[in-house]
């Protein structure tokens, strides 16, 4: 190893760990805001587009049911509980998986 490779590797490690610390430290407020923007009456098509843009998944809840979508960045740790009524959203609330 060259004299420069150890500091570069250490810097990469610290940057990577720092990224995940910030990601998880801000996740709850970020996902709460995302869930709050899912409004009652939103159609399945609009919901599917919104979930894709905001990186929530894995899939759109079925009509007349309850579904959970998690934030991809936090591996589903934080997400939304979405209640559907027909082909529209009835209610969306923040959900923290334990």
Protein backbone atom coordinates (compact mmCIF):
# COMPACT_ATOMS: atom_id res chain seq x y z
CA UNK A 1 0.00 0.00 0.00
CA UNK A 2 1.17 3.46 -0.74
CA UNK A 3 1.45 6.12 1.93
CA UNK A 4 -1.69 7.79 0.61
CA UNK A 5 -3.97 4.74 0.38
CA UNK A 6 -4.62 4.36 4.13
CA UNK A 7 -5.83 7.94 4.67
CA UNK A 8 -7.98 7.72 1.54
CA UNK A 9 -9.52 4.44 2.72
CA UNK A 10 -10.14 5.91 6.17
CA UNK A 11 -11.74 9.00 4.66
CA UNK A 12 -14.01 6.82 2.51
CA UNK A 13 -15.02 4.77 5.56
CA UNK A 14 -15.77 7.87 7.66
CA UNK A 15 -17.76 9.44 4.80
CA UNK A 16 -19.80 6.25 4.32
CA UNK A 17 -20.58 5.89 8.02
CA UNK A 18 -21.40 9.60 8.25
CA UNK A 19 -23.81 9.31 5.32
CA UNK A 20 -25.79 6.56 7.05
CA UNK A 21 -25.78 8.36 10.38
CA UNK A 22 -27.28 11.48 8.77
CA UNK A 23 -29.67 9.36 6.69
CA UNK A 24 -31.10 7.58 9.73
CA UNK A 25 -31.00 10.65 12.00
CA UNK A 26 -33.21 12.60 9.59
CA UNK A 27 -35.36 9.68 8.43
CA UNK A 28 -38.28 10.03 10.82
CA UNK A 29 -39.01 13.67 10.04
CA UNK A 30 -38.41 13.15 6.31
CA UNK A 31 -40.76 10.15 6.09
CA UNK A 32 -43.41 11.80 8.29
CA UNK A 33 -43.53 14.71 5.82
CA UNK A 34 -43.73 12.26 2.93
CA UNK A 35 -46.64 10.40 4.54
CA UNK A 36 -48.42 13.67 5.31
CA UNK A 37 -48.34 14.57 1.60
CA UNK A 38 -50.32 11.45 0.69
CA UNK A 39 -53.76 13.02 0.72
CA UNK A 40 -57.17 11.36 1.06
CA UNK A 41 -58.75 10.88 -2.34
CA UNK A 42 -55.44 10.39 -4.15
CA UNK A 43 -55.96 7.80 -6.89
CA UNK A 44 -53.96 4.59 -7.16
CA UNK A 45 -52.18 5.90 -10.27
CA UNK A 46 -51.21 9.16 -8.54
CA UNK A 47 -50.17 7.23 -5.43
CA UNK A 48 -48.01 4.85 -7.45
CA UNK A 49 -46.22 7.78 -9.09
CA UNK A 50 -45.75 9.55 -5.74
CA UNK A 51 -44.34 6.40 -4.12
CA UNK A 52 -41.89 5.91 -6.97
CA UNK A 53 -40.66 9.51 -6.89
CA UNK A 54 -40.21 9.41 -3.10
CA UNK A 55 -38.59 5.95 -3.12
CA UNK A 56 -41.23 4.19 -1.04
CA UNK A 57 -42.10 0.59 -1.71
CA UNK A 58 -42.31 -2.25 -2.38
CA UNK A 59 -45.75 -1.81 -3.97
CA UNK A 60 -48.96 0.18 -4.01
CA UNK A 61 -51.56 -1.07 -1.50
CA UNK A 62 -54.53 -2.99 -2.89
CA UNK A 63 -57.90 -1.27 -3.21
CA UNK A 64 -60.12 -1.64 -0.12
CA UNK A 65 -57.25 -2.64 2.13
CA UNK A 66 -54.38 -1.50 4.28
CA UNK A 67 -50.82 -1.49 3.02
CA UNK A 68 -47.42 -0.54 4.29
CA UNK A 69 -44.73 1.10 2.19
CA UNK A 70 -41.24 1.61 3.51
CA UNK A 71 -38.52 4.03 2.56
CA UNK A 72 -35.96 2.24 0.41
CA UNK A 73 -33.05 4.28 1.84
CA UNK A 74 -33.73 3.02 5.37
CA UNK A 75 -34.46 -0.53 4.25
CA UNK A 76 -38.13 -0.18 5.22
CA UNK A 77 -37.42 0.91 8.80
CA UNK A 78 -39.57 4.03 8.33
CA UNK A 79 -42.64 4.19 6.14
CA UNK A 80 -46.34 4.89 5.75
CA UNK A 81 -49.45 2.92 6.63
CA UNK A 82 -51.90 3.58 3.82
CA UNK A 83 -55.60 2.77 4.08
CA UNK A 84 -57.39 2.45 0.74
CA UNK A 85 -61.11 2.80 0.10
CA UNK A 86 -61.96 1.67 -3.39
CA UNK A 87 -59.34 2.98 -5.76
CA UNK A 88 -58.43 5.99 -3.60
CA UNK A 89 -56.49 6.73 -0.45
CA UNK A 90 -58.61 6.94 2.69
CA UNK A 91 -55.80 7.82 5.13
CA UNK A 92 -52.02 7.79 5.37
CA UNK A 93 -50.06 7.75 8.63
CA UNK A 94 -46.40 7.45 9.57
CA UNK A 95 -45.31 3.94 10.57
CA UNK A 96 -42.07 2.92 12.24
CA UNK A 97 -41.24 -0.76 11.92
CA UNK A 98 -39.63 -2.27 14.96
